[in-house]
Amino acid sequence: MAISYRMEIVEDKGGGGFVVFYPDLPGGITCGQTVEDAVANAADAKRAWIEAALEEGIEINEPNSLEDSSGQIKMKNTAWY
């Protein structure tokens, strides 16, 4: 579970809080009332996604190269639908 996957954080303007998803893990999505909660929940969601994929025999994508990443967390300021 120590593999690093890029996460994206989007502020949920309509419902409040923040949505976090992993572009390399289809359906790997969660949320939280604060950024900190959302990131903590994302770690649990990633673990659960990978465990379920292993149990079901679903292919687990390798993460896209993080070498091009700055390591910064950028939040999108858009409505989540």
N, C-alpha and C. Protein backbone atom coordinates (compact mmCIF):
# COMPACT_ATOMS: atom_id res chain seq x y z
N MET A 1 0.81 -1.20 0.00
CA MET A 1 0.00 0.00 0.00
C MET A 1 0.85 1.26 0.00
N ALA A 2 2.14 1.09 -0.01
CA ALA A 2 3.03 2.24 0.04
C ALA A 2 3.26 2.88 -1.32
N ILE A 3 2.63 2.34 -2.36
CA ILE A 3 2.78 2.93 -3.69
C ILE A 3 2.11 4.29 -3.69
N SER A 4 2.81 5.29 -4.23
CA SER A 4 2.28 6.65 -4.27
C SER A 4 1.47 6.87 -5.54
N TYR A 5 0.22 7.20 -5.35
CA TYR A 5 -0.66 7.58 -6.45
C TYR A 5 -1.01 9.05 -6.30
N ARG A 6 -1.10 9.73 -7.42
CA ARG A 6 -1.47 11.15 -7.41
C ARG A 6 -2.92 11.27 -6.98
N MET A 7 -3.18 12.18 -6.05
CA MET A 7 -4.56 12.45 -5.64
C MET A 7 -4.92 13.87 -6.04
N GLU A 8 -6.19 14.06 -6.33
CA GLU A 8 -6.69 15.39 -6.64
C GLU A 8 -7.77 15.73 -5.62
N ILE A 9 -7.75 16.98 -5.18
CA ILE A 9 -8.69 17.46 -4.17
C ILE A 9 -9.53 18.56 -4.81
N VAL A 10 -10.85 18.42 -4.68
CA VAL A 10 -11.78 19.40 -5.25
C VAL A 10 -12.70 19.88 -4.14
N GLU A 11 -12.82 21.19 -4.01
CA GLU A 11 -13.77 21.73 -3.03
C GLU A 11 -15.18 21.50 -3.53
N ASP A 12 -16.04 20.96 -2.68
CA ASP A 12 -17.43 20.70 -3.03
C ASP A 12 -18.26 21.92 -2.65
N LYS A 13 -18.39 22.84 -3.58
CA LYS A 13 -19.11 24.10 -3.31
C LYS A 13 -20.58 23.86 -2.99
N GLY A 14 -21.18 22.87 -3.65
CA GLY A 14 -22.60 22.62 -3.46
C GLY A 14 -22.92 21.96 -2.13
N GLY A 15 -22.12 20.99 -1.73
CA GLY A 15 -22.42 20.23 -0.53
C GLY A 15 -21.51 20.54 0.64
N GLY A 16 -20.49 21.32 0.41
CA GLY A 16 -19.53 21.62 1.46
C GLY A 16 -18.49 20.52 1.57
N GLY A 17 -17.37 20.84 2.12
CA GLY A 17 -16.30 19.87 2.28
C GLY A 17 -15.45 19.74 1.03
N PHE A 18 -14.75 18.61 0.94
CA PHE A 18 -13.80 18.38 -0.13
C PHE A 18 -13.91 16.95 -0.64
N VAL A 19 -13.74 16.79 -1.94
CA VAL A 19 -13.76 15.48 -2.58
C VAL A 19 -12.34 15.16 -3.00
N VAL A 20 -11.90 13.94 -2.76
CA VAL A 20 -10.55 13.50 -3.16
C VAL A 20 -10.69 12.27 -4.03
N PHE A 21 -9.93 12.25 -5.13
CA PHE A 21 -9.94 11.06 -5.98
C PHE A 21 -8.55 10.79 -6.52
N TYR A 22 -8.36 9.54 -6.94
CA TYR A 22 -7.11 9.08 -7.52
C TYR A 22 -7.36 8.81 -9.00
N PRO A 23 -6.83 9.64 -9.89
CA PRO A 23 -7.06 9.44 -11.32
C PRO A 23 -6.61 8.07 -11.84
N ASP A 24 -5.59 7.48 -11.22
CA ASP A 24 -5.09 6.19 -11.68
C ASP A 24 -5.85 5.00 -11.10
N LEU A 25 -6.78 5.26 -10.18
CA LEU A 25 -7.57 4.19 -9.57
C LEU A 25 -9.05 4.50 -9.84
N PRO A 26 -9.59 4.02 -10.93
CA PRO A 26 -10.98 4.35 -11.31
C PRO A 26 -11.96 4.04 -10.19
N GLY A 27 -12.71 5.04 -9.80
CA GLY A 27 -13.67 4.87 -8.71
C GLY A 27 -13.07 5.09 -7.34
N GLY A 28 -11.77 5.34 -7.25
CA GLY A 28 -11.11 5.60 -5.97
C GLY A 28 -11.40 7.02 -5.54
N ILE A 29 -12.50 7.21 -4.83
CA ILE A 29 -12.97 8.56 -4.49
C ILE A 29 -13.50 8.56 -3.06
N THR A 30 -13.33 9.67 -2.38
CA THR A 30 -13.85 9.84 -1.03
C THR A 30 -14.02 11.33 -0.76
N CYS A 31 -14.41 11.67 0.45
CA CYS A 31 -14.60 13.08 0.78
C CYS A 31 -14.37 13.30 2.27
N GLY A 32 -14.41 14.56 2.68
CA GLY A 32 -14.27 14.94 4.08
C GLY A 32 -14.68 16.39 4.25
N GLN A 33 -15.02 16.76 5.47
CA GLN A 33 -15.44 18.13 5.74
C GLN A 33 -14.28 19.12 5.64
N THR A 34 -13.07 18.67 5.99
CA THR A 34 -11.89 19.53 5.88
C THR A 34 -10.90 18.85 4.93
N VAL A 35 -9.92 19.59 4.47
CA VAL A 35 -8.89 19.01 3.61
C VAL A 35 -8.18 17.88 4.35
N GLU A 36 -7.88 18.10 5.62
CA GLU A 36 -7.18 17.09 6.41
C GLU A 36 -7.99 15.80 6.51
N ASP A 37 -9.30 15.95 6.78
CA ASP A 37 -10.17 14.77 6.85
C ASP A 37 -10.24 14.05 5.51
N ALA A 38 -10.36 14.82 4.44
CA ALA A 38 -10.46 14.24 3.11
C ALA A 38 -9.19 13.46 2.75
N VAL A 39 -8.03 14.01 3.08
CA VAL A 39 -6.77 13.33 2.77
C VAL A 39 -6.63 12.06 3.61
N ALA A 40 -7.02 12.12 4.89
CA ALA A 40 -6.97 10.92 5.74
C ALA A 40 -7.92 9.86 5.21
N ASN A 41 -9.12 10.27 4.81
CA ASN A 41 -10.08 9.33 4.24
C ASN A 41 -9.58 8.75 2.92
N ALA A 42 -8.83 9.55 2.17
CA ALA A 42 -8.29 9.09 0.88
C ALA A 42 -7.31 7.94 1.08
N ALA A 43 -6.51 8.00 2.13
CA ALA A 43 -5.57 6.90 2.41
C ALA A 43 -6.33 5.61 2.67
N ASP A 44 -7.42 5.70 3.43
CA ASP A 44 -8.26 4.53 3.69
C ASP A 44 -8.93 4.04 2.41
N ALA A 45 -9.42 4.98 1.60
CA ALA A 45 -10.09 4.61 0.35
C ALA A 45 -9.12 3.93 -0.62
N LYS A 46 -7.88 4.42 -0.68
CA LYS A 46 -6.89 3.79 -1.56
C LYS A 46 -6.62 2.36 -1.10
N ARG A 47 -6.43 2.17 0.19
CA ARG A 47 -6.18 0.84 0.74
C ARG A 47 -7.35 -0.10 0.43
N ALA A 48 -8.57 0.37 0.66
CA ALA A 48 -9.75 -0.46 0.41
C ALA A 48 -9.90 -0.77 -1.08
N TRP A 49 -9.60 0.20 -1.95
CA TRP A 49 -9.71 -0.01 -3.40
C TRP A 49 -8.73 -1.10 -3.84
N ILE A 50 -7.49 -1.00 -3.37
CA ILE A 50 -6.47 -1.98 -3.77
C ILE A 50 -6.81 -3.37 -3.22
N GLU A 51 -7.26 -3.45 -1.97
CA GLU A 51 -7.64 -4.74 -1.40
C GLU A 51 -8.78 -5.38 -2.18
N ALA A 52 -9.79 -4.58 -2.53
CA ALA A 52 -10.92 -5.10 -3.30
C ALA A 52 -10.48 -5.54 -4.69
N ALA A 53 -9.61 -4.77 -5.32
CA ALA A 53 -9.12 -5.14 -6.65
C ALA A 53 -8.35 -6.45 -6.60
N LEU A 54 -7.54 -6.64 -5.57
CA LEU A 54 -6.79 -7.89 -5.43
C LEU A 54 -7.73 -9.07 -5.23
N GLU A 55 -8.76 -8.88 -4.41
CA GLU A 55 -9.72 -9.95 -4.16
C GLU A 55 -10.52 -10.32 -5.41
N GLU A 56 -10.86 -9.32 -6.22
CA GLU A 56 -11.69 -9.53 -7.40
C GLU A 56 -10.88 -9.82 -8.67
N GLY A 57 -9.56 -9.76 -8.56
CA GLY A 57 -8.73 -10.00 -9.73
C GLY A 57 -8.75 -8.86 -10.74
N ILE A 58 -9.04 -7.67 -10.26
CA ILE A 58 -9.08 -6.47 -11.12
C ILE A 58 -7.65 -5.94 -11.28
N GLU A 59 -7.32 -5.57 -12.50
CA GLU A 59 -5.98 -5.03 -12.77
C GLU A 59 -5.78 -3.72 -12.02
N ILE A 60 -4.65 -3.61 -11.37
CA ILE A 60 -4.30 -2.39 -10.64
C ILE A 60 -3.29 -1.62 -11.49
N ASN A 61 -3.69 -0.45 -11.92
CA ASN A 61 -2.81 0.37 -12.75
C ASN A 61 -1.59 0.83 -11.97
N GLU A 62 -0.46 0.85 -12.65
CA GLU A 62 0.73 1.47 -12.07
C GLU A 62 0.47 2.97 -12.02
N PRO A 63 0.99 3.65 -11.01
CA PRO A 63 0.78 5.10 -10.97
C PRO A 63 1.52 5.77 -12.12
N ASN A 64 0.90 6.83 -12.63
CA ASN A 64 1.60 7.64 -13.62
C ASN A 64 2.85 8.18 -12.98
N SER A 65 3.82 8.51 -13.77
CA SER A 65 5.10 8.98 -13.26
C SER A 65 4.91 10.17 -12.34
N LEU A 66 5.47 10.08 -11.15
CA LEU A 66 5.43 11.20 -10.22
C LEU A 66 6.65 12.10 -10.38
N GLU A 67 7.56 11.69 -11.28
CA GLU A 67 8.77 12.50 -11.47
C GLU A 67 8.43 13.88 -12.00
N ASP A 68 7.33 13.97 -12.76
CA ASP A 68 6.93 15.26 -13.32
C ASP A 68 6.15 16.10 -12.31
N SER A 69 5.82 15.50 -11.17
CA SER A 69 5.03 16.19 -10.16
C SER A 69 5.93 17.06 -9.28
N SER A 70 5.40 18.20 -8.89
CA SER A 70 6.16 19.10 -8.02
C SER A 70 6.05 18.68 -6.56
N GLY A 71 5.10 17.79 -6.26
CA GLY A 71 4.87 17.40 -4.88
C GLY A 71 3.88 18.31 -4.17
N GLN A 72 3.44 19.35 -4.85
CA GLN A 72 2.48 20.26 -4.27
C GLN A 72 1.08 19.66 -4.34
N ILE A 73 0.24 20.04 -3.39
CA ILE A 73 -1.17 19.68 -3.45
C ILE A 73 -1.90 20.89 -3.98
N LYS A 74 -2.62 20.71 -5.06
CA LYS A 74 -3.37 21.81 -5.66
C LYS A 74 -4.85 21.47 -5.57
N MET A 75 -5.63 22.42 -5.08
CA MET A 75 -7.06 22.20 -4.95
C MET A 75 -7.77 22.93 -6.08
N LYS A 76 -8.73 22.27 -6.67
CA LYS A 76 -9.54 22.89 -7.70
C LYS A 76 -10.71 23.58 -7.03
N ASN A 77 -10.99 24.77 -7.44
CA ASN A 77 -12.06 25.54 -6.86
C ASN A 77 -13.27 25.53 -7.81
N THR A 78 -13.90 24.37 -7.90
CA THR A 78 -15.05 24.21 -8.79
C THR A 78 -16.15 23.48 -8.06
N ALA A 79 -17.34 23.58 -8.59
CA ALA A 79 -18.47 22.82 -8.03
C ALA A 79 -18.32 21.37 -8.41
N TRP A 80 -18.67 20.48 -7.50
CA TRP A 80 -18.61 19.04 -7.76
C TRP A 80 -20.01 18.55 -8.08
N TYR A 81 -20.14 17.90 -9.23
CA TYR A 81 -21.46 17.40 -9.63
C TYR A 81 -21.43 15.92 -9.74
